Amino acid sequence: IGIVAAPALDELYVAQRGQGVTLNGQKIAVSGVDDIGRAYVELG
């Protein structure tokens, strides 16, 4: 189970293994980008 609340951004992510994930009740999905030349990468 994964819940991430970002209240200052008014965002709530809710996920359960095998049950999908939503952001503020709407389903979300990764970008599907397959070219590193188009990729936007965050480095912590």
PDB file of all heavy atoms in Angstrom:
ATOM      1  N   ILE A   1       0.860  -1.185   0.000  1.00  0.00           N
ATOM      2  CA  ILE A   1       0.000   0.000   0.000  1.00  0.00           C
ATOM      3  C   ILE A   1       0.890   1.227   0.000  1.00  0.00           C
ATOM      4  O   ILE A   1       1.889   1.290   0.719  1.00  0.00           O
ATOM      5  CB  ILE A   1      -0.935   0.017   1.227  1.00  0.00           C
ATOM      6  CG1 ILE A   1      -1.941  -1.132   1.163  1.00  0.00           C
ATOM      7  CG2 ILE A   1      -1.678   1.357   1.332  1.00  0.00           C
ATOM      8  CD1 ILE A   1      -2.741  -1.327   2.433  1.00  0.00           C
ATOM      9  N   GLY A   2       0.545   2.209  -0.816  1.00  0.00           N
ATOM     10  CA  GLY A   2       1.300   3.454  -0.860  1.00  0.00           C
ATOM     11  C   GLY A   2       0.366   4.649  -0.923  1.00  0.00           C
ATOM     12  O   GLY A   2      -0.460   4.741  -1.839  1.00  0.00           O
ATOM     13  N   ILE A   3       0.480   5.526   0.051  1.00  0.00           N
ATOM     14  CA  ILE A   3      -0.300   6.762   0.083  1.00  0.00           C
ATOM     15  C   ILE A   3       0.679   7.921   0.195  1.00  0.00           C
ATOM     16  O   ILE A   3       1.512   7.957   1.114  1.00  0.00           O
ATOM     17  CB  ILE A   3      -1.264   6.819   1.289  1.00  0.00           C
ATOM     18  CG1 ILE A   3      -2.065   5.514   1.426  1.00  0.00           C
ATOM     19  CG2 ILE A   3      -2.164   8.045   1.195  1.00  0.00           C
ATOM     20  CD1 ILE A   3      -3.064   5.261   0.336  1.00  0.00           C
ATOM     21  N   VAL A   4       0.601   8.859  -0.718  1.00  0.00           N
ATOM     22  CA  VAL A   4       1.417  10.073  -0.644  1.00  0.00           C
ATOM     23  C   VAL A   4       0.478  11.266  -0.741  1.00  0.00           C
ATOM     24  O   VAL A   4      -0.239  11.423  -1.732  1.00  0.00           O
ATOM     25  CB  VAL A   4       2.476  10.123  -1.755  1.00  0.00           C
ATOM     26  CG1 VAL A   4       3.116  11.519  -1.827  1.00  0.00           C
ATOM     27  CG2 VAL A   4       3.551   9.063  -1.512  1.00  0.00           C
ATOM     28  N   ALA A   5       0.484  12.078   0.311  1.00  0.00           N
ATOM     29  CA  ALA A   5      -0.327  13.291   0.331  1.00  0.00           C
ATOM     30  C   ALA A   5       0.587  14.502   0.202  1.00  0.00           C
ATOM     31  O   ALA A   5       1.525  14.650   0.990  1.00  0.00           O
ATOM     32  CB  ALA A   5      -1.125  13.373   1.634  1.00  0.00           C
ATOM     33  N   ALA A   6       0.311  15.324  -0.796  1.00  0.00           N
ATOM     34  CA  ALA A   6       1.057  16.578  -0.993  1.00  0.00           C
ATOM     35  C   ALA A   6       0.058  17.720  -0.846  1.00  0.00           C
ATOM     36  O   ALA A   6      -0.422  18.283  -1.838  1.00  0.00           O
ATOM     37  CB  ALA A   6       1.725  16.599  -2.364  1.00  0.00           C
ATOM     38  N   PRO A   7      -0.302  18.073   0.394  1.00  0.00           N
ATOM     39  CA  PRO A   7      -1.424  18.993   0.601  1.00  0.00           C
ATOM     40  C   PRO A   7      -1.202  20.398   0.066  1.00  0.00           C
ATOM     41  O   PRO A   7      -2.153  21.060  -0.351  1.00  0.00           O
ATOM     42  CB  PRO A   7      -1.597  18.987   2.127  1.00  0.00           C
ATOM     43  CG  PRO A   7      -0.277  18.539   2.678  1.00  0.00           C
ATOM     44  CD  PRO A   7       0.256  17.577   1.665  1.00  0.00           C
ATOM     45  N   ALA A   8       0.043  20.879   0.077  1.00  0.00           N
ATOM     46  CA  ALA A   8       0.298  22.218  -0.448  1.00  0.00           C
ATOM     47  C   ALA A   8       0.130  22.267  -1.965  1.00  0.00           C
ATOM     48  O   ALA A   8      -0.027  23.347  -2.545  1.00  0.00           O
ATOM     49  CB  ALA A   8       1.704  22.677  -0.063  1.00  0.00           C
ATOM     50  N   LEU A   9       0.147  21.098  -2.601  1.00  0.00           N
ATOM     51  CA  LEU A   9      -0.092  20.989  -4.040  1.00  0.00           C
ATOM     52  C   LEU A   9      -1.491  20.474  -4.346  1.00  0.00           C
ATOM     53  O   LEU A   9      -1.854  20.303  -5.514  1.00  0.00           O
ATOM     54  CB  LEU A   9       0.941  20.042  -4.677  1.00  0.00           C
ATOM     55  CG  LEU A   9       2.409  20.428  -4.513  1.00  0.00           C
ATOM     56  CD1 LEU A   9       3.316  19.309  -5.014  1.00  0.00           C
ATOM     57  CD2 LEU A   9       2.713  21.726  -5.245  1.00  0.00           C
ATOM     58  N   ASP A  10      -2.261  20.181  -3.291  1.00  0.00           N
ATOM     59  CA  ASP A  10      -3.612  19.630  -3.419  1.00  0.00           C
ATOM     60  C   ASP A  10      -3.609  18.321  -4.202  1.00  0.00           C
ATOM     61  O   ASP A  10      -4.418  18.111  -5.102  1.00  0.00           O
ATOM     62  CB  ASP A  10      -4.556  20.643  -4.085  1.00  0.00           C
ATOM     63  CG  ASP A  10      -6.024  20.252  -3.922  1.00  0.00           C
ATOM     64  OD1 ASP A  10      -6.350  19.553  -2.943  1.00  0.00           O
ATOM     65  OD2 ASP A  10      -6.839  20.634  -4.792  1.00  0.00           O
ATOM     66  N   GLU A  11      -2.689  17.413  -3.822  1.00  0.00           N
ATOM     67  CA  GLU A  11      -2.567  16.137  -4.517  1.00  0.00           C
ATOM     68  C   GLU A  11      -2.544  14.984  -3.526  1.00  0.00           C
ATOM     69  O   GLU A  11      -1.889  15.059  -2.479  1.00  0.00           O
ATOM     70  CB  GLU A  11      -1.293  16.105  -5.367  1.00  0.00           C
ATOM     71  CG  GLU A  11      -1.331  17.088  -6.521  1.00  0.00           C
ATOM     72  CD  GLU A  11      -0.111  17.018  -7.418  1.00  0.00           C
ATOM     73  OE1 GLU A  11       0.905  16.412  -7.006  1.00  0.00           O
ATOM     74  OE2 GLU A  11      -0.158  17.573  -8.518  1.00  0.00           O
ATOM     75  N   LEU A  12      -3.258  13.910  -3.874  1.00  0.00           N
ATOM     76  CA  LEU A  12      -3.273  12.697  -3.063  1.00  0.00           C
ATOM     77  C   LEU A  12      -3.124  11.491  -3.982  1.00  0.00           C
ATOM     78  O   LEU A  12      -3.970  11.243  -4.846  1.00  0.00           O
ATOM     79  CB  LEU A  12      -4.580  12.587  -2.279  1.00  0.00           C
ATOM     80  CG  LEU A  12      -4.719  11.341  -1.390  1.00  0.00           C
ATOM     81  CD1 LEU A  12      -3.701  11.373  -0.254  1.00  0.00           C
ATOM     82  CD2 LEU A  12      -6.137  11.215  -0.855  1.00  0.00           C
ATOM     83  N   TYR A  13      -2.033  10.755  -3.792  1.00  0.00           N
ATOM     84  CA  TYR A  13      -1.753   9.542  -4.551  1.00  0.00           C
ATOM     85  C   TYR A  13      -2.145   8.341  -3.686  1.00  0.00           C
ATOM     86  O   TYR A  13      -1.766   8.258  -2.520  1.00  0.00           O
ATOM     87  CB  TYR A  13      -0.266   9.433  -4.890  1.00  0.00           C
ATOM     88  CG  TYR A  13       0.269  10.529  -5.777  1.00  0.00           C
ATOM     89  CD1 TYR A  13       0.629  11.765  -5.242  1.00  0.00           C
ATOM     90  CD2 TYR A  13       0.428  10.328  -7.151  1.00  0.00           C
ATOM     91  CE1 TYR A  13       1.133  12.771  -6.062  1.00  0.00           C
ATOM     92  CE2 TYR A  13       0.925  11.329  -7.961  1.00  0.00           C
ATOM     93  CZ  TYR A  13       1.280  12.544  -7.411  1.00  0.00           C
ATOM     94  OH  TYR A  13       1.781  13.550  -8.217  1.00  0.00           O
ATOM     95  N   VAL A  14      -2.873   7.402  -4.279  1.00  0.00           N
ATOM     96  CA  VAL A  14      -3.344   6.219  -3.554  1.00  0.00           C
ATOM     97  C   VAL A  14      -3.084   4.991  -4.419  1.00  0.00           C
ATOM     98  O   VAL A  14      -3.527   4.924  -5.574  1.00  0.00           O
ATOM     99  CB  VAL A  14      -4.851   6.310  -3.243  1.00  0.00           C
ATOM    100  CG1 VAL A  14      -5.337   5.051  -2.534  1.00  0.00           C
ATOM    101  CG2 VAL A  14      -5.146   7.542  -2.393  1.00  0.00           C
ATOM    102  N   ALA A  15      -2.373   4.000  -3.854  1.00  0.00           N
ATOM    103  CA  ALA A  15      -2.062   2.793  -4.621  1.00  0.00           C
ATOM    104  C   ALA A  15      -2.106   1.576  -3.713  1.00  0.00           C
ATOM    105  O   ALA A  15      -1.767   1.645  -2.533  1.00  0.00           O
ATOM    106  CB  ALA A  15      -0.684   2.897  -5.269  1.00  0.00           C
ATOM    107  N   GLN A  16      -2.531   0.464  -4.297  1.00  0.00           N
ATOM    108  CA  GLN A  16      -2.461  -0.838  -3.636  1.00  0.00           C
ATOM    109  C   GLN A  16      -1.973  -1.855  -4.649  1.00  0.00           C
ATOM    110  O   GLN A  16      -2.380  -1.827  -5.819  1.00  0.00           O
ATOM    111  CB  GLN A  16      -3.814  -1.265  -3.083  1.00  0.00           C
ATOM    112  CG  GLN A  16      -3.786  -2.607  -2.358  1.00  0.00           C
ATOM    113  CD  GLN A  16      -5.141  -2.991  -1.792  1.00  0.00           C
ATOM    114  OE1 GLN A  16      -5.971  -2.136  -1.489  1.00  0.00           O
ATOM    115  NE2 GLN A  16      -5.389  -4.281  -1.657  1.00  0.00           N
ATOM    116  N   ARG A  17      -1.090  -2.715  -4.216  1.00  0.00           N
ATOM    117  CA  ARG A  17      -0.518  -3.700  -5.121  1.00  0.00           C
ATOM    118  C   ARG A  17      -1.617  -4.495  -5.822  1.00  0.00           C
ATOM    119  O   ARG A  17      -2.508  -5.056  -5.190  1.00  0.00           O
ATOM    120  CB  ARG A  17       0.393  -4.651  -4.347  1.00  0.00           C
ATOM    121  CG  ARG A  17       1.138  -5.630  -5.230  1.00  0.00           C
ATOM    122  CD  ARG A  17       1.947  -6.597  -4.405  1.00  0.00           C
ATOM    123  NE  ARG A  17       2.684  -7.533  -5.241  1.00  0.00           N
ATOM    124  CZ  ARG A  17       3.063  -8.733  -4.854  1.00  0.00           C
ATOM    125  NH1 ARG A  17       2.789  -9.152  -3.619  1.00  0.00           N
ATOM    126  NH2 ARG A  17       3.731  -9.515  -5.663  1.00  0.00           N
ATOM    127  N   GLY A  18      -1.551  -4.499  -7.158  1.00  0.00           N
ATOM    128  CA  GLY A  18      -2.519  -5.228  -7.959  1.00  0.00           C
ATOM    129  C   GLY A  18      -3.843  -4.535  -8.154  1.00  0.00           C
ATOM    130  O   GLY A  18      -4.712  -5.048  -8.864  1.00  0.00           O
ATOM    131  N   GLN A  19      -4.005  -3.333  -7.554  1.00  0.00           N
ATOM    132  CA  GLN A  19      -5.279  -2.619  -7.623  1.00  0.00           C
ATOM    133  C   GLN A  19      -5.181  -1.288  -8.354  1.00  0.00           C
ATOM    134  O   GLN A  19      -6.169  -0.565  -8.462  1.00  0.00           O
ATOM    135  CB  GLN A  19      -5.812  -2.379  -6.206  1.00  0.00           C
ATOM    136  CG  GLN A  19      -6.034  -3.626  -5.387  1.00  0.00           C
ATOM    137  CD  GLN A  19      -7.121  -4.507  -5.953  1.00  0.00           C
ATOM    138  OE1 GLN A  19      -8.186  -4.033  -6.334  1.00  0.00           O
ATOM    139  NE2 GLN A  19      -6.850  -5.811  -6.029  1.00  0.00           N
ATOM    140  N   GLY A  20      -4.002  -0.953  -8.860  1.00  0.00           N
ATOM    141  CA  GLY A  20      -3.842   0.293  -9.591  1.00  0.00           C
ATOM    142  C   GLY A  20      -3.520   1.470  -8.698  1.00  0.00           C
ATOM    143  O   GLY A  20      -3.326   1.332  -7.488  1.00  0.00           O
ATOM    144  N   VAL A  21      -3.463   2.652  -9.306  1.00  0.00           N
ATOM    145  CA  VAL A  21      -3.071   3.869  -8.600  1.00  0.00           C
ATOM    146  C   VAL A  21      -3.870   5.038  -9.140  1.00  0.00           C
ATOM    147  O   VAL A  21      -4.193   5.097 -10.331  1.00  0.00           O
ATOM    148  CB  VAL A  21      -1.555   4.135  -8.757  1.00  0.00           C
ATOM    149  CG1 VAL A  21      -1.147   4.241 -10.215  1.00  0.00           C
ATOM    150  CG2 VAL A  21      -1.144   5.402  -7.999  1.00  0.00           C
ATOM    151  N   THR A  22      -4.201   5.968  -8.243  1.00  0.00           N
ATOM    152  CA  THR A  22      -4.904   7.175  -8.655  1.00  0.00           C
ATOM    153  C   THR A  22      -4.222   8.407  -8.085  1.00  0.00           C
ATOM    154  O   THR A  22      -3.553   8.353  -7.055  1.00  0.00           O
ATOM    155  CB  THR A  22      -6.364   7.173  -8.171  1.00  0.00           C
ATOM    156  OG1 THR A  22      -6.389   7.090  -6.740  1.00  0.00           O
ATOM    157  CG2 THR A  22      -7.143   6.014  -8.785  1.00  0.00           C
ATOM    158  N   LEU A  23      -4.416   9.514  -8.773  1.00  0.00           N
ATOM    159  CA  LEU A  23      -4.048  10.839  -8.285  1.00  0.00           C
ATOM    160  C   LEU A  23      -5.336  11.644  -8.219  1.00  0.00           C
ATOM    161  O   LEU A  23      -5.992  11.860  -9.251  1.00  0.00           O
ATOM    162  CB  LEU A  23      -3.044  11.509  -9.223  1.00  0.00           C
ATOM    163  CG  LEU A  23      -2.812  13.012  -9.022  1.00  0.00           C
ATOM    164  CD1 LEU A  23      -2.379  13.331  -7.601  1.00  0.00           C
ATOM    165  CD2 LEU A  23      -1.800  13.550 -10.032  1.00  0.00           C
ATOM    166  N   ASN A  24      -5.733  12.030  -7.030  1.00  0.00           N
ATOM    167  CA  ASN A  24      -7.003  12.733  -6.808  1.00  0.00           C
ATOM    168  C   ASN A  24      -8.174  12.001  -7.470  1.00  0.00           C
ATOM    169  O   ASN A  24      -9.057  12.604  -8.076  1.00  0.00           O
ATOM    170  CB  ASN A  24      -6.918  14.175  -7.308  1.00  0.00           C
ATOM    171  CG  ASN A  24      -5.953  15.014  -6.499  1.00  0.00           C
ATOM    172  OD1 ASN A  24      -5.514  14.611  -5.420  1.00  0.00           O
ATOM    173  ND2 ASN A  24      -5.592  16.181  -7.005  1.00  0.00           N
ATOM    174  N   GLY A  25      -8.126  10.670  -7.366  1.00  0.00           N
ATOM    175  CA  GLY A  25      -9.217   9.844  -7.860  1.00  0.00           C
ATOM    176  C   GLY A  25      -9.142   9.458  -9.325  1.00  0.00           C
ATOM    177  O   GLY A  25      -9.965   8.653  -9.797  1.00  0.00           O
ATOM    178  N   GLN A  26      -8.162   9.978 -10.054  1.00  0.00           N
ATOM    179  CA  GLN A  26      -8.022   9.677 -11.479  1.00  0.00           C
ATOM    180  C   GLN A  26      -6.834   8.757 -11.705  1.00  0.00           C
ATOM    181  O   GLN A  26      -5.760   8.969 -11.131  1.00  0.00           O
ATOM    182  CB  GLN A  26      -7.829  10.968 -12.284  1.00  0.00           C
ATOM    183  CG  GLN A  26      -8.960  11.968 -12.123  1.00  0.00           C
ATOM    184  CD  GLN A  26     -10.283  11.430 -12.633  1.00  0.00           C
ATOM    185  OE1 GLN A  26     -10.370  10.883 -13.736  1.00  0.00           O
ATOM    186  NE2 GLN A  26     -11.337  11.582 -11.831  1.00  0.00           N
ATOM    187  N   LYS A  27      -6.993   7.747 -12.558  1.00  0.00           N
ATOM    188  CA  LYS A  27      -5.912   6.818 -12.834  1.00  0.00           C
ATOM    189  C   LYS A  27      -4.752   7.539 -13.515  1.00  0.00           C
ATOM    190  O   LYS A  27      -4.957   8.458 -14.315  1.00  0.00           O
ATOM    191  CB  LYS A  27      -6.408   5.672 -13.721  1.00  0.00           C
ATOM    192  CG  LYS A  27      -7.378   4.735 -13.025  1.00  0.00           C
ATOM    193  CD  LYS A  27      -7.755   3.575 -13.926  1.00  0.00           C
ATOM    194  CE  LYS A  27      -8.681   2.606 -13.204  1.00  0.00           C
ATOM    195  NZ  LYS A  27      -9.080   1.460 -14.071  1.00  0.00           N
ATOM    196  N   ILE A  28      -3.534   7.101 -13.210  1.00  0.00           N
ATOM    197  CA  ILE A  28      -2.337   7.682 -13.810  1.00  0.00           C
ATOM    198  C   ILE A  28      -1.444   6.572 -14.350  1.00  0.00           C
ATOM    199  O   ILE A  28      -1.593   5.404 -13.974  1.00  0.00           O
ATOM    200  CB  ILE A  28      -1.548   8.553 -12.820  1.00  0.00           C
ATOM    201  CG1 ILE A  28      -1.162   7.749 -11.559  1.00  0.00           C
ATOM    202  CG2 ILE A  28      -2.337   9.804 -12.458  1.00  0.00           C
ATOM    203  CD1 ILE A  28      -0.272   8.509 -10.586  1.00  0.00           C
ATOM    204  N   ALA A  29      -0.525   6.926 -15.234  1.00  0.00           N
ATOM    205  CA  ALA A  29       0.399   5.954 -15.815  1.00  0.00           C
ATOM    206  C   ALA A  29       1.694   6.647 -16.196  1.00  0.00           C
ATOM    207  O   ALA A  29       1.724   7.859 -16.453  1.00  0.00           O
ATOM    208  CB  ALA A  29      -0.223   5.296 -17.051  1.00  0.00           C
ATOM    209  N   VAL A  30       2.777   5.866 -16.247  1.00  0.00           N
ATOM    210  CA  VAL A  30       4.082   6.396 -16.635  1.00  0.00           C
ATOM    211  C   VAL A  30       4.052   6.845 -18.086  1.00  0.00           C
ATOM    212  O   VAL A  30       3.156   6.489 -18.855  1.00  0.00           O
ATOM    213  CB  VAL A  30       5.195   5.357 -16.410  1.00  0.00           C
ATOM    214  CG1 VAL A  30       5.310   5.016 -14.939  1.00  0.00           C
ATOM    215  CG2 VAL A  30       4.948   4.099 -17.242  1.00  0.00           C
ATOM    216  N   SER A  31       5.063   7.610 -18.480  1.00  0.00           N
ATOM    217  CA  SER A  31       5.060   8.246 -19.802  1.00  0.00           C
ATOM    218  C   SER A  31       5.235   7.263 -20.951  1.00  0.00           C
ATOM    219  O   SER A  31       4.721   7.487 -22.044  1.00  0.00           O
ATOM    220  CB  SER A  31       6.179   9.285 -19.873  1.00  0.00           C
ATOM    221  OG  SER A  31       7.452   8.644 -19.851  1.00  0.00           O
ATOM    222  N   GLY A  32       6.008   6.212 -20.748  1.00  0.00           N
ATOM    223  CA  GLY A  32       6.302   5.295 -21.845  1.00  0.00           C
ATOM    224  C   GLY A  32       7.423   5.761 -22.755  1.00  0.00           C
ATOM    225  O   GLY A  32       7.674   5.135 -23.797  1.00  0.00           O
ATOM    226  N   VAL A  33       8.132   6.833 -22.389  1.00  0.00           N
ATOM    227  CA  VAL A  33       9.254   7.311 -23.200  1.00  0.00           C
ATOM    228  C   VAL A  33      10.293   6.201 -23.363  1.00  0.00           C
ATOM    229  O   VAL A  33      10.635   5.510 -22.400  1.00  0.00           O
ATOM    230  CB  VAL A  33       9.904   8.554 -22.552  1.00  0.00           C
ATOM    231  CG1 VAL A  33      11.265   8.848 -23.149  1.00  0.00           C
ATOM    232  CG2 VAL A  33       8.983   9.746 -22.713  1.00  0.00           C
ATOM    233  N   ASP A  34      10.781   6.007 -24.600  1.00  0.00           N
ATOM    234  CA  ASP A  34      11.748   4.941 -24.856  1.00  0.00           C
ATOM    235  C   ASP A  34      13.068   5.452 -25.425  1.00  0.00           C
ATOM    236  O   ASP A  34      13.937   4.670 -25.801  1.00  0.00           O
ATOM    237  CB  ASP A  34      11.157   3.896 -25.794  1.00  0.00           C
ATOM    238  CG  ASP A  34      10.734   4.473 -27.152  1.00  0.00           C
ATOM    239  OD1 ASP A  34      10.973   5.677 -27.393  1.00  0.00           O
ATOM    240  OD2 ASP A  34      10.147   3.721 -27.949  1.00  0.00           O
ATOM    241  N   ASP A  35      13.246   6.783 -25.462  1.00  0.00           N
ATOM    242  CA  ASP A  35      14.447   7.395 -26.026  1.00  0.00           C
ATOM    243  C   ASP A  35      15.083   8.270 -24.954  1.00  0.00           C
ATOM    244  O   ASP A  35      14.477   9.249 -24.497  1.00  0.00           O
ATOM    245  CB  ASP A  35      14.058   8.223 -27.256  1.00  0.00           C
ATOM    246  CG  ASP A  35      15.235   8.939 -27.890  1.00  0.00           C
ATOM    247  OD1 ASP A  35      16.376   8.775 -27.405  1.00  0.00           O
ATOM    248  OD2 ASP A  35      15.002   9.686 -28.863  1.00  0.00           O
ATOM    249  N   ILE A  36      16.295   7.917 -24.530  1.00  0.00           N
ATOM    250  CA  ILE A  36      16.973   8.683 -23.492  1.00  0.00           C
ATOM    251  C   ILE A  36      17.167  10.134 -23.923  1.00  0.00           C
ATOM    252  O   ILE A  36      17.203  11.044 -23.092  1.00  0.00           O
ATOM    253  CB  ILE A  36      18.339   8.043 -23.133  1.00  0.00           C
ATOM    254  CG1 ILE A  36      18.940   8.681 -21.873  1.00  0.00           C
ATOM    255  CG2 ILE A  36      19.299   8.127 -24.306  1.00  0.00           C
ATOM    256  CD1 ILE A  36      18.232   8.368 -20.615  1.00  0.00           C
ATOM    257  N   GLY A  37      17.211  10.375 -25.219  1.00  0.00           N
ATOM    258  CA  GLY A  37      17.349  11.731 -25.734  1.00  0.00           C
ATOM    259  C   GLY A  37      16.112  12.573 -25.524  1.00  0.00           C
ATOM    260  O   GLY A  37      16.155  13.794 -25.696  1.00  0.00           O
ATOM    261  N   ARG A  38      14.996  11.946 -25.138  1.00  0.00           N
ATOM    262  CA  ARG A  38      13.767  12.668 -24.820  1.00  0.00           C
ATOM    263  C   ARG A  38      13.430  12.575 -23.339  1.00  0.00           C
ATOM    264  O   ARG A  38      12.397  13.098 -22.890  1.00  0.00           O
ATOM    265  CB  ARG A  38      12.594  12.109 -25.631  1.00  0.00           C
ATOM    266  CG  ARG A  38      12.687  12.340 -27.132  1.00  0.00           C
ATOM    267  CD  ARG A  38      11.486  11.726 -27.853  1.00  0.00           C
ATOM    268  NE  ARG A  38      10.233  12.174 -27.257  1.00  0.00           N
ATOM    269  CZ  ARG A  38       9.248  11.354 -26.868  1.00  0.00           C
ATOM    270  NH1 ARG A  38       9.391  10.049 -26.990  1.00  0.00           N
ATOM    271  NH2 ARG A  38       8.138  11.840 -26.344  1.00  0.00           N
ATOM    272  N   ALA A  39      14.275  11.920 -22.574  1.00  0.00           N
ATOM    273  CA  ALA A  39      13.943  11.617 -21.180  1.00  0.00           C
ATOM    274  C   ALA A  39      14.233  12.795 -20.250  1.00  0.00           C
ATOM    275  O   ALA A  39      15.259  13.464 -20.370  1.00  0.00           O
ATOM    276  CB  ALA A  39      14.712  10.399 -20.723  1.00  0.00           C
ATOM    277  N   TYR A  40      13.330  12.995 -19.302  1.00  0.00           N
ATOM    278  CA  TYR A  40      13.468  13.987 -18.243  1.00  0.00           C
ATOM    279  C   TYR A  40      13.718  13.199 -16.957  1.00  0.00           C
ATOM    280  O   TYR A  40      12.840  12.498 -16.469  1.00  0.00           O
ATOM    281  CB  TYR A  40      12.189  14.798 -18.150  1.00  0.00           C
ATOM    282  CG  TYR A  40      12.283  16.097 -17.372  1.00  0.00           C
ATOM    283  CD1 TYR A  40      13.488  16.762 -17.198  1.00  0.00           C
ATOM    284  CD2 TYR A  40      11.125  16.667 -16.845  1.00  0.00           C
ATOM    285  CE1 TYR A  40      13.549  17.954 -16.505  1.00  0.00           C
ATOM    286  CE2 TYR A  40      11.179  17.862 -16.144  1.00  0.00           C
ATOM    287  CZ  TYR A  40      12.388  18.508 -15.981  1.00  0.00           C
ATOM    288  OH  TYR A  40      12.437  19.686 -15.285  1.00  0.00           O
ATOM    289  N   VAL A  41      14.924  13.293 -16.428  1.00  0.00           N
ATOM    290  CA  VAL A  41      15.388  12.440 -15.333  1.00  0.00           C
ATOM    291  C   VAL A  41      15.594  13.278 -14.078  1.00  0.00           C
ATOM    292  O   VAL A  41      16.261  14.316 -14.129  1.00  0.00           O
ATOM    293  CB  VAL A  41      16.712  11.747 -15.714  1.00  0.00           C
ATOM    294  CG1 VAL A  41      17.210  10.867 -14.573  1.00  0.00           C
ATOM    295  CG2 VAL A  41      16.543  10.934 -16.994  1.00  0.00           C
ATOM    296  N   GLU A  42      15.027  12.815 -12.959  1.00  0.00           N
ATOM    297  CA  GLU A  42      15.309  13.466 -11.688  1.00  0.00           C
ATOM    298  C   GLU A  42      16.370  12.676 -10.943  1.00  0.00           C
ATOM    299  O   GLU A  42      16.255  11.456 -10.796  1.00  0.00           O
ATOM    300  CB  GLU A  42      14.061  13.589 -10.825  1.00  0.00           C
ATOM    301  CG  GLU A  42      14.368  14.273  -9.505  1.00  0.00           C
ATOM    302  CD  GLU A  42      13.159  14.703  -8.702  1.00  0.00           C
ATOM    303  OE1 GLU A  42      12.026  14.472  -9.158  1.00  0.00           O
ATOM    304  OE2 GLU A  42      13.355  15.277  -7.615  1.00  0.00           O
ATOM    305  N   LEU A  43      17.381  13.375 -10.478  1.00  0.00           N
ATOM    306  CA  LEU A  43      18.448  12.752  -9.696  1.00  0.00           C
ATOM    307  C   LEU A  43      18.412  13.298  -8.276  1.00  0.00           C
ATOM    308  O   LEU A  43      18.612  14.496  -8.053  1.00  0.00           O
ATOM    309  CB  LEU A  43      19.816  13.028 -10.328  1.00  0.00           C
ATOM    310  CG  LEU A  43      20.065  12.428 -11.709  1.00  0.00           C
ATOM    311  CD1 LEU A  43      21.452  12.798 -12.202  1.00  0.00           C
ATOM    312  CD2 LEU A  43      19.909  10.913 -11.682  1.00  0.00           C
ATOM    313  N   GLY A  44      18.123  12.412  -7.323  1.00  0.00           N
ATOM    314  CA  GLY A  44      18.182  12.804  -5.925  1.00  0.00           C
ATOM    315  C   GLY A  44      19.626  12.851  -5.458  1.00  0.00           C
ATOM    316  O   GLY A  44      20.542  12.393  -6.140  1.00  0.00           O
TER     317      GLY A  44
END
